[in-house]
Protein backbone atom coordinates (compact mmCIF):
# COMPACT_ATOMS: atom_id res chain seq x y z
CA UNK A 1 -2.13 41.08 -61.23
CA UNK A 2 -0.09 43.98 -60.00
CA UNK A 3 -2.37 46.89 -58.76
CA UNK A 4 0.03 49.74 -58.10
CA UNK A 5 2.25 49.35 -55.06
CA UNK A 6 5.28 50.49 -57.51
CA UNK A 7 2.98 53.75 -58.36
CA UNK A 8 2.54 54.42 -54.86
CA UNK A 9 6.17 54.25 -54.21
CA UNK A 10 6.94 56.38 -57.15
CA UNK A 11 4.24 59.04 -55.90
CA UNK A 12 5.84 58.93 -52.37
CA UNK A 13 9.16 59.91 -53.88
CA UNK A 14 7.93 63.38 -54.61
CA UNK A 15 6.85 63.77 -50.92
CA UNK A 16 10.38 64.01 -49.46
CA UNK A 17 12.38 67.21 -48.85
CA UNK A 18 10.15 69.37 -50.95
CA UNK A 19 12.11 72.68 -50.48
CA UNK A 20 11.55 76.04 -52.19
CA UNK A 21 15.30 76.21 -53.21
CA UNK A 22 15.03 73.06 -54.75
CA UNK A 23 11.96 74.02 -56.91
CA UNK A 24 13.36 77.40 -57.75
CA UNK A 25 16.72 75.97 -59.00
CA UNK A 26 14.39 74.36 -61.87
CA UNK A 27 12.79 77.53 -63.06
CA UNK A 28 15.87 78.20 -65.45
CA UNK A 29 14.83 74.98 -67.31
CA UNK A 30 11.25 75.77 -67.32
CA UNK A 31 9.67 76.90 -70.65
CA UNK A 32 7.13 79.41 -69.79
CA UNK A 33 6.59 81.05 -73.16
CA UNK A 34 3.34 80.57 -75.05
CA UNK A 35 5.07 79.92 -78.54
CA UNK A 36 2.34 76.92 -78.71
CA UNK A 37 -0.47 79.06 -78.94
CA UNK A 38 -3.03 78.22 -81.69
CA UNK A 39 -5.08 80.70 -83.36
CA UNK A 40 -4.04 83.10 -80.94
CA UNK A 41 -5.40 81.32 -78.01
CA UNK A 42 -3.08 80.24 -75.21
CA UNK A 43 -2.46 76.21 -75.13
CA UNK A 44 -1.54 76.36 -71.87
CA UNK A 45 -2.09 78.57 -68.66
CA UNK A 46 0.53 81.25 -68.73
CA UNK A 47 2.47 81.62 -65.68
CA UNK A 48 4.51 84.59 -64.19
CA UNK A 49 8.08 84.98 -64.21
CA UNK A 50 8.56 85.28 -60.59
CA UNK A 51 6.83 84.03 -57.32
CA UNK A 52 5.50 86.21 -54.96
CA UNK A 53 6.59 86.21 -51.12
CA UNK A 54 3.22 84.94 -50.33
CA UNK A 55 3.18 82.33 -52.75
CA UNK A 56 6.45 80.95 -51.60
CA UNK A 57 5.56 81.05 -47.98
CA UNK A 58 2.46 79.04 -48.57
CA UNK A 59 4.52 76.67 -50.70
CA UNK A 60 7.02 76.25 -48.13
CA UNK A 61 4.38 75.94 -45.42
CA UNK A 62 2.40 73.01 -47.33
CA UNK A 63 5.88 71.38 -48.18
CA UNK A 64 6.83 71.02 -44.75
CA UNK A 65 3.33 69.67 -43.68
CA UNK A 66 3.26 67.14 -46.69
CA UNK A 67 6.89 66.25 -45.62
CA UNK A 68 5.65 65.65 -42.09
CA UNK A 69 3.03 63.32 -43.18
CA UNK A 70 0.04 65.87 -42.45
CA UNK A 71 -1.64 65.22 -45.51
CA UNK A 72 -5.04 66.60 -44.61
CA UNK A 73 -3.77 70.15 -43.76
CA UNK A 74 -1.37 70.08 -46.70
CA UNK A 75 -3.95 69.43 -49.10
CA UNK A 76 -5.86 72.46 -47.83
CA UNK A 77 -2.54 74.54 -48.48
CA UNK A 78 -1.90 73.27 -51.76
CA UNK A 79 -5.64 73.80 -52.90
CA UNK A 80 -5.41 77.33 -51.42
CA UNK A 81 -2.27 77.94 -53.44
CA UNK A 82 -4.01 77.16 -56.55
CA UNK A 83 -7.09 79.15 -56.03
CA UNK A 84 -5.22 82.39 -55.19
CA UNK A 85 -1.97 81.84 -57.25
CA UNK A 86 -2.86 79.90 -60.28
CA UNK A 87 -0.57 81.68 -62.61
CA UNK A 88 2.31 81.76 -60.02
CA UNK A 89 5.57 79.85 -61.48
CA UNK A 90 5.31 77.31 -58.83
CA UNK A 91 1.56 76.39 -59.62
CA UNK A 92 2.32 73.44 -62.16
CA UNK A 93 4.27 71.77 -59.27
CA UNK A 94 1.62 72.57 -56.62
CA UNK A 95 -1.06 70.76 -58.72
CA UNK A 96 1.30 67.78 -59.14
CA UNK A 97 1.88 67.59 -55.41
CA UNK A 98 -1.77 68.00 -54.45
CA UNK A 99 -2.42 65.13 -56.46
CA UNK A 100 0.37 62.95 -54.69
CA UNK A 101 -1.12 64.31 -51.44
CA UNK A 102 -4.62 63.30 -52.33
CA UNK A 103 -3.20 59.76 -53.30
CA UNK A 104 -1.84 59.28 -49.88
CA UNK A 105 -5.18 60.42 -48.53
CA UNK A 106 -6.94 57.64 -50.77
CA UNK A 107 -8.71 60.44 -52.67
CA UNK A 108 -8.10 59.05 -56.17
CA UNK A 109 -10.69 60.74 -58.09
CA UNK A 110 -9.83 64.22 -56.90
CA UNK A 111 -6.18 63.40 -57.21
CA UNK A 112 -6.90 62.83 -60.79
CA UNK A 113 -8.30 66.30 -61.01
CA UNK A 114 -5.01 67.71 -59.66
CA UNK A 115 -3.04 66.14 -61.89
CA UNK A 116 -5.21 67.14 -65.02
CA UNK A 117 -4.72 70.70 -63.53
CA UNK A 118 -0.70 70.19 -63.78
CA UNK A 119 -1.18 69.14 -67.35
CA UNK A 120 -2.80 72.36 -68.25
CA UNK A 121 0.58 74.09 -67.72
CA UNK A 122 3.58 74.19 -70.14
CA UNK A 123 5.54 70.97 -69.82
CA UNK A 124 7.77 71.06 -66.79
CA UNK A 125 10.10 68.69 -64.91
CA UNK A 126 7.05 66.56 -63.70
CA UNK A 127 4.71 66.50 -66.53
CA UNK A 128 5.78 62.82 -67.63
CA UNK A 129 4.89 61.79 -63.94
CA UNK A 130 1.48 63.77 -64.02
CA UNK A 131 0.52 61.90 -67.08
CA UNK A 132 1.40 58.70 -65.33
CA UNK A 133 -0.29 59.37 -61.95
CA UNK A 134 -3.46 60.63 -64.01
CA UNK A 135 -3.28 57.44 -66.06
CA UNK A 136 -3.07 55.51 -62.83
CA UNK A 137 -5.84 57.14 -61.01
CA UNK A 138 -8.11 56.78 -64.06
CA UNK A 139 -7.38 52.91 -64.09
CA UNK A 140 -7.97 52.82 -60.07
CA UNK A 141 -11.21 54.63 -60.22
CA UNK A 142 -12.41 52.17 -62.99
CA UNK A 143 -11.47 49.03 -61.18
CA UNK A 144 -13.39 50.30 -58.00
CA UNK A 145 -16.44 51.48 -60.15
CA UNK A 146 -19.57 49.40 -60.41
CA UNK A 147 -21.19 51.21 -63.11
CA UNK A 148 -20.07 49.67 -66.25
CA UNK A 149 -20.52 52.73 -68.38
CA UNK A 150 -18.54 54.63 -66.04
CA UNK A 151 -15.83 51.96 -65.64
CA UNK A 152 -15.52 51.91 -69.60
CA UNK A 153 -15.01 55.70 -69.54
CA UNK A 154 -12.23 55.81 -67.09
CA UNK A 155 -10.51 52.69 -68.60
CA UNK A 156 -10.54 54.57 -71.94
CA UNK A 157 -9.38 57.80 -70.41
CA UNK A 158 -6.56 55.89 -68.67
CA UNK A 159 -5.46 54.33 -72.13
CA UNK A 160 -5.69 57.57 -73.65
CA UNK A 161 -3.52 59.40 -71.07
CA UNK A 162 -0.82 56.68 -71.26
CA UNK A 163 -0.67 56.76 -75.15
CA UNK A 164 0.03 60.55 -74.69
CA UNK A 165 2.86 59.84 -72.06
CA UNK A 166 4.48 57.48 -74.22
CA UNK A 167 4.17 59.35 -77.44
CA UNK A 168 5.91 62.40 -75.59
CA UNK A 169 8.41 60.25 -73.40
CA UNK A 170 9.41 57.08 -75.35
CA UNK A 171 11.86 55.52 -73.28
CA UNK A 172 11.90 57.11 -70.04
CA UNK A 173 12.30 55.96 -66.54
CA UNK A 174 8.39 55.85 -66.22
CA UNK A 175 7.77 54.30 -69.61
CA UNK A 176 7.71 50.98 -68.10
CA UNK A 177 4.63 51.72 -65.63
CA UNK A 178 2.85 53.44 -68.42
CA UNK A 179 2.97 50.33 -70.34
CA UNK A 180 1.97 48.09 -67.85
CA UNK A 181 -0.80 49.88 -66.72
CA UNK A 182 -1.90 50.58 -70.09
CA UNK A 183 -2.00 46.73 -70.65
CA UNK A 184 -3.91 46.48 -67.42
CA UNK A 185 -6.60 48.95 -68.76
CA UNK A 186 -6.85 47.32 -72.12
CA UNK A 187 -7.29 44.05 -70.36
CA UNK A 188 -10.08 45.50 -68.27
CA UNK A 189 -11.59 46.93 -71.52
CA UNK A 190 -11.63 43.22 -72.90
CA UNK A 191 -9.15 44.34 -75.51
CA UNK A 192 -6.72 41.59 -75.09
CA UNK A 193 -4.97 42.03 -78.27
CA UNK A 194 -4.07 45.49 -77.33
CA UNK A 195 -3.11 44.43 -73.96
CA UNK A 196 -0.83 41.98 -75.32
CA UNK A 197 0.98 44.76 -77.34
CA UNK A 198 1.48 46.96 -74.25
CA UNK A 199 2.94 44.15 -72.01
CA UNK A 200 5.17 42.66 -74.94
CA UNK A 201 6.60 46.21 -75.32
CA UNK A 202 7.45 46.37 -71.64
CA UNK A 203 9.13 42.99 -71.78
CA UNK A 204 11.12 43.61 -74.92
CA UNK A 205 12.08 47.22 -74.12
CA UNK A 206 12.60 47.35 -70.30
CA UNK A 207 14.25 44.11 -69.20
CA UNK A 208 15.79 45.69 -65.93
CA UNK A 209 12.07 47.09 -64.77
CA UNK A 210 10.74 45.98 -61.53
CA UNK A 211 7.47 45.31 -63.53
CA UNK A 212 9.14 42.97 -66.30
CA UNK A 213 8.13 40.05 -64.26
CA UNK A 214 4.80 40.96 -63.51
CA UNK A 215 4.28 41.87 -67.36
CA UNK A 216 5.68 38.30 -68.32
CA UNK A 217 2.99 36.87 -66.38
CA UNK A 218 0.34 38.96 -67.60
CA UNK A 219 1.52 38.53 -71.15
CA UNK A 220 1.42 34.72 -70.67
CA UNK A 221 -2.37 35.05 -69.55
CA UNK A 222 -3.29 37.09 -72.46
CA UNK A 223 -1.57 34.61 -74.78
CA UNK A 224 -3.32 31.78 -73.14
CA UNK A 225 -6.71 33.37 -73.62
CA UNK A 226 -6.08 33.96 -77.36
CA UNK A 227 -5.10 30.61 -77.41
CA UNK A 228 -1.56 31.39 -78.68
CA UNK A 229 -0.09 28.46 -76.45
CA UNK A 230 3.30 28.01 -78.19
CA UNK A 231 3.99 31.75 -77.48
CA UNK A 232 2.57 31.56 -73.99
CA UNK A 233 4.86 28.59 -73.34
CA UNK A 234 7.81 30.58 -74.43
CA UNK A 235 7.17 33.59 -72.08
CA UNK A 236 6.14 31.33 -69.17
CA UNK A 237 9.48 29.61 -69.72
CA UNK A 238 11.31 33.03 -69.79
CA UNK A 239 9.73 33.91 -66.45
CA UNK A 240 10.84 30.94 -64.63
CA UNK A 241 14.21 31.25 -65.76
CA UNK A 242 14.45 34.87 -64.62
CA UNK A 243 12.14 34.74 -61.57
CA UNK A 244 13.57 31.73 -59.75
CA UNK A 245 11.66 29.61 -57.25
CA UNK A 246 11.39 32.17 -54.73
CA UNK A 247 9.06 34.33 -56.57
CA UNK A 248 5.38 34.41 -55.33
CA UNK A 249 4.11 33.63 -58.85
CA UNK A 250 6.82 30.76 -59.60
CA UNK A 251 4.34 27.89 -58.76
CA UNK A 252 1.31 29.60 -60.77
CA UNK A 253 3.38 30.16 -63.75
CA UNK A 254 4.54 26.36 -63.55
CA UNK A 255 1.07 25.35 -63.56
CA UNK A 256 0.42 27.80 -66.49
CA UNK A 257 3.32 26.16 -68.30
CA UNK A 258 1.75 22.83 -67.91
CA UNK A 259 -1.51 23.90 -69.39
CA UNK A 260 0.32 25.01 -72.46
CA UNK A 261 1.64 21.55 -72.65
CA UNK A 262 -1.87 20.19 -72.43
CA UNK A 263 -3.13 22.26 -75.05
CA UNK A 264 -0.45 21.03 -77.41
CA UNK A 265 -1.62 17.33 -76.48
CA UNK A 266 1.89 16.63 -74.53
CA UNK A 267 -0.13 15.14 -71.79
CA UNK A 268 2.85 13.27 -70.00
CA UNK A 269 4.70 16.40 -69.46
CA UNK A 270 1.61 18.17 -68.53
CA UNK A 271 0.62 15.63 -65.92
CA UNK A 272 4.33 15.48 -64.47
CA UNK A 273 4.31 19.49 -63.96
CA UNK A 274 0.68 19.47 -62.76
CA UNK A 275 1.56 16.85 -60.09
CA UNK A 276 4.71 18.48 -58.82
CA UNK A 277 2.66 21.91 -58.61
CA UNK A 278 -0.17 20.22 -56.69
CA UNK A 279 2.17 18.96 -53.92
CA UNK A 280 3.99 22.50 -53.44
CA UNK A 281 2.74 23.27 -49.69
CA UNK A 282 0.57 26.07 -49.36
CA UNK A 283 -0.24 26.62 -53.12
CA UNK A 284 -3.75 28.03 -53.53
CA UNK A 285 -4.39 26.26 -56.74
CA UNK A 286 -3.37 22.75 -56.00
CA UNK A 287 -6.91 21.65 -56.48
CA UNK A 288 -6.82 23.02 -60.02
CA UNK A 289 -3.46 21.44 -60.58
CA UNK A 290 -5.02 18.07 -59.74
CA UNK A 291 -8.12 18.59 -61.82
CA UNK A 292 -5.96 19.13 -64.84
CA UNK A 293 -3.59 16.19 -63.95
CA UNK A 294 -6.22 13.92 -63.84
CA UNK A 295 -7.52 15.00 -67.07
CA UNK A 296 -4.23 14.24 -68.79
CA UNK A 297 -4.20 10.64 -67.09
CA UNK A 298 -7.61 10.30 -68.75
CA UNK A 299 -6.16 11.49 -72.30
CA UNK A 300 -3.27 8.95 -71.74
CA UNK A 301 -5.97 6.31 -70.98
CA UNK A 302 -4.51 5.66 -67.63
CA UNK A 303 -8.12 5.52 -65.85
CA UNK A 304 -7.00 3.95 -62.89
CA UNK A 305 -4.58 6.90 -62.12
CA UNK A 306 -7.11 9.53 -63.16
CA UNK A 307 -9.73 8.03 -60.76
CA UNK A 308 -7.14 8.02 -57.91
CA UNK A 309 -6.24 11.59 -58.63
CA UNK A 310 -9.82 12.93 -58.80
CA UNK A 311 -10.67 11.06 -55.62
CA UNK A 312 -7.45 12.64 -53.79
CA UNK A 313 -8.93 15.96 -55.02
CA UNK A 314 -12.26 15.39 -53.82
CA UNK A 315 -10.95 14.03 -50.33
CA UNK A 316 -8.20 16.67 -49.70
CA UNK A 317 -10.12 19.69 -51.09
CA UNK A 318 -13.64 18.94 -50.15
CA UNK A 319 -14.41 22.77 -50.40
CA UNK A 320 -12.91 23.16 -53.84
CA UNK A 321 -15.15 24.18 -56.64
CA UNK A 322 -13.88 21.01 -58.30
CA UNK A 323 -14.58 18.28 -55.50
CA UNK A 324 -18.06 17.43 -56.49
CA UNK A 325 -17.41 17.30 -60.28
CA UNK A 326 -14.31 15.20 -59.34
CA UNK A 327 -16.49 12.60 -57.45
CA UNK A 328 -18.88 12.40 -60.48
CA UNK A 329 -15.65 11.86 -62.89
CA UNK A 330 -14.58 9.00 -60.54
CA UNK A 331 -17.99 7.50 -61.00
CA UNK A 332 -17.86 7.97 -64.73
CA UNK A 333 -14.54 6.28 -65.02
CA UNK A 334 -15.53 3.35 -62.63
CA UNK A 335 -18.94 3.01 -64.55
CA UNK A 336 -16.85 2.60 -67.76
CA UNK A 337 -14.71 0.00 -66.16
CA UNK A 338 -17.96 -1.78 -65.17
CA UNK A 339 -17.01 -1.61 -61.52
CA UNK A 340 -20.60 -0.54 -60.56
CA UNK A 341 -20.08 -0.91 -56.92
CA UNK A 342 -17.19 1.76 -56.74
CA UNK A 343 -19.16 3.85 -59.46
CA UNK A 344 -22.24 3.98 -57.36
CA UNK A 345 -20.22 4.82 -54.18
CA UNK A 346 -18.61 7.91 -56.03
CA UNK A 347 -22.14 8.99 -57.33
CA UNK A 348 -23.68 8.73 -53.81
CA UNK A 349 -21.24 11.32 -52.66
CA UNK A 350 -22.31 13.57 -55.62
CA UNK A 351 -26.16 13.31 -54.90
CA UNK A 352 -25.27 13.70 -51.04
CA UNK A 353 -23.31 17.01 -51.92
CA UNK A 354 -26.25 18.08 -54.20
CA UNK A 355 -25.67 21.02 -56.68
CA UNK A 356 -25.68 21.11 -60.59
CA UNK A 357 -24.00 17.41 -60.87
CA UNK A 358 -26.47 15.57 -58.66
CA UNK A 359 -28.92 14.93 -61.62
CA UNK A 360 -26.19 13.47 -63.84
CA UNK A 361 -25.20 11.24 -60.89
CA UNK A 362 -28.73 10.09 -60.73
CA UNK A 363 -28.92 9.34 -64.34
CA UNK A 364 -25.67 7.02 -63.75
CA UNK A 365 -27.19 5.47 -60.83
CA UNK A 366 -30.47 4.59 -62.92
CA UNK A 367 -28.14 2.84 -65.35
CA UNK A 368 -26.58 0.88 -62.70
CA UNK A 369 -29.83 -0.26 -61.11
CA UNK A 370 -31.29 -1.17 -64.43
CA UNK A 371 -28.00 -3.36 -65.24
CA UNK A 372 -28.54 -4.99 -61.76
CA UNK A 373 -32.29 -5.76 -62.74
CA UNK A 374 -33.32 -3.58 -59.86
CA UNK A 375 -36.23 -2.14 -62.24
CA UNK A 376 -38.64 -0.75 -59.60
CA UNK A 377 -35.70 1.09 -57.88
CA UNK A 378 -34.63 2.30 -61.20
CA UNK A 379 -37.92 3.77 -62.08
CA UNK A 380 -38.61 5.29 -58.72
CA UNK A 381 -35.02 7.11 -58.93
CA UNK A 382 -35.82 8.07 -62.53
CA UNK A 383 -39.13 9.61 -61.71
CA UNK A 384 -37.87 11.45 -58.48
CA UNK A 385 -34.76 12.99 -60.48
CA UNK A 386 -37.00 14.01 -63.43
CA UNK A 387 -39.41 15.93 -60.90
CA UNK A 388 -36.16 17.85 -59.74
CA UNK A 389 -34.26 18.10 -62.93
CA UNK A 390 -35.32 21.46 -64.23
CA UNK A 391 -33.57 22.28 -67.41
CA UNK A 392 -30.74 19.74 -66.61
CA UNK A 393 -28.98 18.63 -69.72
CA UNK A 394 -29.57 14.92 -68.38
CA UNK A 395 -33.52 15.38 -68.18
CA UNK A 396 -33.87 13.63 -71.20
CA UNK A 397 -31.51 10.65 -70.18
CA UNK A 398 -33.48 10.43 -67.07
CA UNK A 399 -36.66 10.27 -68.97
CA UNK A 400 -35.11 7.39 -71.13
CA UNK A 401 -34.16 5.59 -67.90
CA UNK A 402 -37.78 5.90 -66.77
CA UNK A 403 -38.99 4.32 -70.03
CA UNK A 404 -36.21 1.74 -70.13
CA UNK A 405 -37.42 0.78 -66.65
CA UNK A 406 -40.87 0.17 -67.84
CA UNK A 407 -39.54 -1.95 -70.70
CA UNK A 408 -37.40 -3.99 -68.09
CA UNK A 409 -40.55 -4.40 -66.13
CA UNK A 410 -42.52 -5.68 -69.36
CA UNK A 411 -44.66 -2.59 -69.58
CA UNK A 412 -44.30 -1.85 -73.24
CA UNK A 413 -47.35 0.06 -73.49
CA UNK A 414 -46.35 2.64 -70.97
CA UNK A 415 -42.91 2.64 -72.10
CA UNK A 416 -43.87 3.36 -75.69
CA UNK A 417 -45.91 6.41 -74.53
CA UNK A 418 -42.95 7.70 -72.57
CA UNK A 419 -40.59 7.28 -75.59
CA UNK A 420 -42.91 9.04 -77.96
CA UNK A 421 -43.32 11.79 -75.32
CA UNK A 422 -39.65 12.35 -75.47
CA UNK A 423 -39.53 12.58 -79.13
CA UNK A 424 -42.35 15.04 -79.18
CA UNK A 425 -40.93 17.08 -76.33
CA UNK A 426 -37.46 16.99 -77.19
CA UNK A 427 -37.27 16.52 -80.93
CA UNK A 428 -33.75 18.09 -81.25
CA UNK A 429 -32.02 16.12 -78.49
CA UNK A 430 -29.52 13.42 -79.58
CA UNK A 431 -31.43 10.95 -77.80
CA UNK A 432 -34.66 11.44 -79.68
CA UNK A 433 -33.61 9.09 -82.22
CA UNK A 434 -33.01 6.55 -79.69
CA UNK A 435 -36.23 7.17 -78.25
CA UNK A 436 -38.28 6.89 -81.62
CA UNK A 437 -36.46 3.44 -82.09
CA UNK A 438 -37.43 2.18 -78.72
CA UNK A 439 -41.09 3.37 -79.28
CA UNK A 440 -40.96 1.37 -82.58
CA UNK A 441 -39.55 -1.69 -80.82
CA UNK A 442 -42.18 -1.35 -78.14
CA UNK A 443 -44.85 -1.32 -80.76
CA UNK A 444 -43.55 -4.39 -82.42
CA UNK A 445 -43.47 -6.17 -78.85
CA UNK A 446 -47.23 -5.05 -78.64
CA UNK A 447 -47.93 -6.38 -82.07
CA UNK A 448 -48.95 -2.81 -83.15
CA UNK A 449 -47.53 -3.62 -86.74
CA UNK A 450 -49.37 -0.62 -88.38
CA UNK A 451 -47.71 1.71 -85.78
CA UNK A 452 -44.35 -0.05 -86.54
CA UNK A 453 -44.66 0.82 -89.93
CA UNK A 454 -45.85 4.47 -89.23
CA UNK A 455 -43.05 5.35 -86.83
CA UNK A 456 -40.61 3.28 -88.77
CA UNK A 457 -41.39 5.31 -91.79
CA UNK A 458 -40.97 8.62 -89.60
CA UNK A 459 -37.82 7.38 -88.33
CA UNK A 460 -36.43 6.79 -91.86
CA UNK A 461 -37.28 10.49 -92.86
CA UNK A 462 -35.96 12.05 -89.83
CA UNK A 463 -33.00 10.04 -89.05
CA UNK A 464 -31.98 8.58 -92.52
CA UNK A 465 -28.25 8.13 -91.74
CA UNK A 466 -28.39 7.11 -88.11
CA UNK A 467 -26.74 3.79 -87.26
CA UNK A 468 -30.10 2.28 -86.00
CA UNK A 469 -31.89 2.74 -89.16
CA UNK A 470 -31.32 -1.04 -90.55
CA UNK A 471 -32.97 -2.46 -87.28
CA UNK A 472 -35.66 0.02 -87.63
CA UNK A 473 -36.38 -1.10 -91.09
CA UNK A 474 -36.10 -4.73 -90.30
CA UNK A 475 -38.97 -4.19 -87.74
CA UNK A 476 -40.93 -2.29 -90.43
CA UNK A 477 -40.44 -5.24 -92.72
CA UNK A 478 -41.36 -7.90 -90.18
CA UNK A 479 -44.64 -5.96 -89.56
CA UNK A 480 -45.34 -5.73 -93.34
CA UNK A 481 -44.84 -9.43 -93.52
CA UNK A 482 -47.29 -9.90 -90.63
CA UNK A 483 -49.85 -7.68 -92.11
CA UNK A 484 -49.45 -9.66 -95.38
CA UNK A 485 -47.95 -6.63 -97.35
CA UNK A 486 -45.62 -9.31 -98.98
CA UNK A 487 -44.54 -7.09 -102.06
CA UNK A 488 -44.00 -4.03 -99.51
CA UNK A 489 -41.94 -6.27 -97.41
CA UNK A 490 -39.69 -7.59 -100.27
CA UNK A 491 -38.95 -4.08 -101.34
CA UNK A 492 -38.04 -3.10 -97.72
CA UNK A 493 -35.74 -6.07 -97.25
CA UNK A 494 -34.13 -5.92 -100.57
CA UNK A 495 -33.24 -2.14 -99.95
CA UNK A 496 -31.91 -3.49 -96.58
CA UNK A 497 -29.52 -6.05 -98.35
CA UNK A 498 -28.39 -3.74 -100.83
CA UNK A 499 -27.76 -0.53 -98.56
CA UNK A 500 -26.28 -2.57 -95.80
CA UNK A 501 -24.17 -5.40 -97.01
CA UNK A 502 -21.89 -5.65 -93.87
CA UNK A 503 -24.66 -5.64 -91.18
CA UNK A 504 -24.56 -8.74 -89.23
CA UNK A 505 -28.32 -9.53 -89.92
CA UNK A 506 -27.58 -9.29 -93.58
CA UNK A 507 -28.04 -13.15 -93.99
CA UNK A 508 -31.11 -13.08 -92.05
CA UNK A 509 -32.61 -10.48 -94.33
CA UNK A 510 -31.74 -12.65 -97.51
CA UNK A 511 -33.73 -15.61 -95.90
CA UNK A 512 -36.81 -13.15 -95.20
CA UNK A 513 -36.65 -12.02 -98.85
CA UNK A 514 -36.81 -15.65 -99.91
CA UNK A 515 -39.75 -16.14 -97.46
CA UNK A 516 -41.54 -13.16 -98.79
CA UNK A 517 -41.19 -14.40 -102.43
CA UNK A 518 -42.48 -17.79 -101.35
CA UNK A 519 -45.85 -16.56 -99.73
CA UNK A 520 -46.34 -14.49 -102.86
CA UNK A 521 -45.85 -17.87 -104.74
CA UNK A 522 -42.96 -16.54 -106.77
CA UNK A 523 -41.55 -20.23 -106.49
CA UNK A 524 -39.03 -19.47 -109.70
CA UNK A 525 -37.77 -16.35 -107.96
CA UNK A 526 -37.02 -18.13 -104.61
CA UNK A 527 -35.03 -20.55 -106.44
CA UNK A 528 -33.04 -18.08 -108.40
CA UNK A 529 -32.75 -15.66 -105.45
CA UNK A 530 -31.34 -18.65 -103.47
CA UNK A 531 -28.97 -19.86 -106.10
CA UNK A 532 -28.04 -16.33 -106.94
């Protein structure tokens, strides 16, 4: 965002041709009375009616030094003037010029002190500029301060100063800058709603301002942050029409415009603009544009194009923050398309790069190995990845891979232990239901029918609406039949038939109900049930 070059330009305007005659000519318009005193106490520093010859001499010398660019010496002269001639009619202007001089020297904090001094006098021809410069200095001090409390204090001070300026000088030549830096200050404070108001007031009220384009840009960003995408799209379009393609922010604003289309789910328009932006030579955010373009292509179900775009990003911008994730997304897409060879190649790039996405990539590589029947390799990879997964969100996936590999190797006893450990250690994870189902299945394979019933009942209680519930209850019923718990098995099967009439195994369940009736010697019930 804009950080004050215009302010420095405005400040420098007051360094040129400072002359005593010029200043003295303004005395007739300067109010020096103390009519605004409250309760008998002066509100402003009272000044004399005329300057002394000594004061005029110091003023003339300091002005010459400042006009000549000798700011260090000029600063000393201005400071000496204020120390010895605080009530001289020239003192308000001297305080202002001292602040400007200090800005040129990079002494922003002490410049603010000088402008505060200028504002202690009755309003004069530079009072508005003093407000503006003080607010700007406070903002600059804030953005260069590491201490959070001090930063907040300076930003609130800046906002307050700009408020006072705008209240006293609503539509002046300097109001646009006050609004802009007020918006910047609010933004830095995290109050983006108020920042929006400041930027909007500038855009609406000062269409000829040098800051209007920067304000449009800033306004668009705060609208985006508030998810006001239609309004952001409108202001970005206005910016592009006004700025032309030579403006330094033109390409970035086009990219932001594309984002507003994306947020409105107009993915085709968004992808087209992102693609055009990404191809602009030298654009610093081409990688981001490609990343969002690929996202749009995924939403449009153009997976081949999305994979190509992600691949282009990873290859052309290998140092990008999006490079490794893009390789990961190529792998996901190719895995979804069952092109395991291409998927594994992409995941290998992610693993080689390391970082946060490597653990997920190893998870998918495990699935590819399991699908290929490379169970020992899958088990080894899952075990190694688990040891390095830390608190990765894919830790549980890897543990499931480890257990699945044991199942594939025929080690149901070990697999069951691993599944139950997942359930106990990660009870709130979305895969805990799958883990418990697999534990039930492994118990059934091991003919541990009592465990099947216990764990199956646990599943019904914990995951009563899960889509695996019918399969679990089916295994429970089979175990009940094996254990000769015929009546209980019949009840379990009848509940299955009643609650899941469209399940693919529905017909099988009815046959098993008949079988349970038969072994109970309820022969008439068998006949009536089959005929019914």
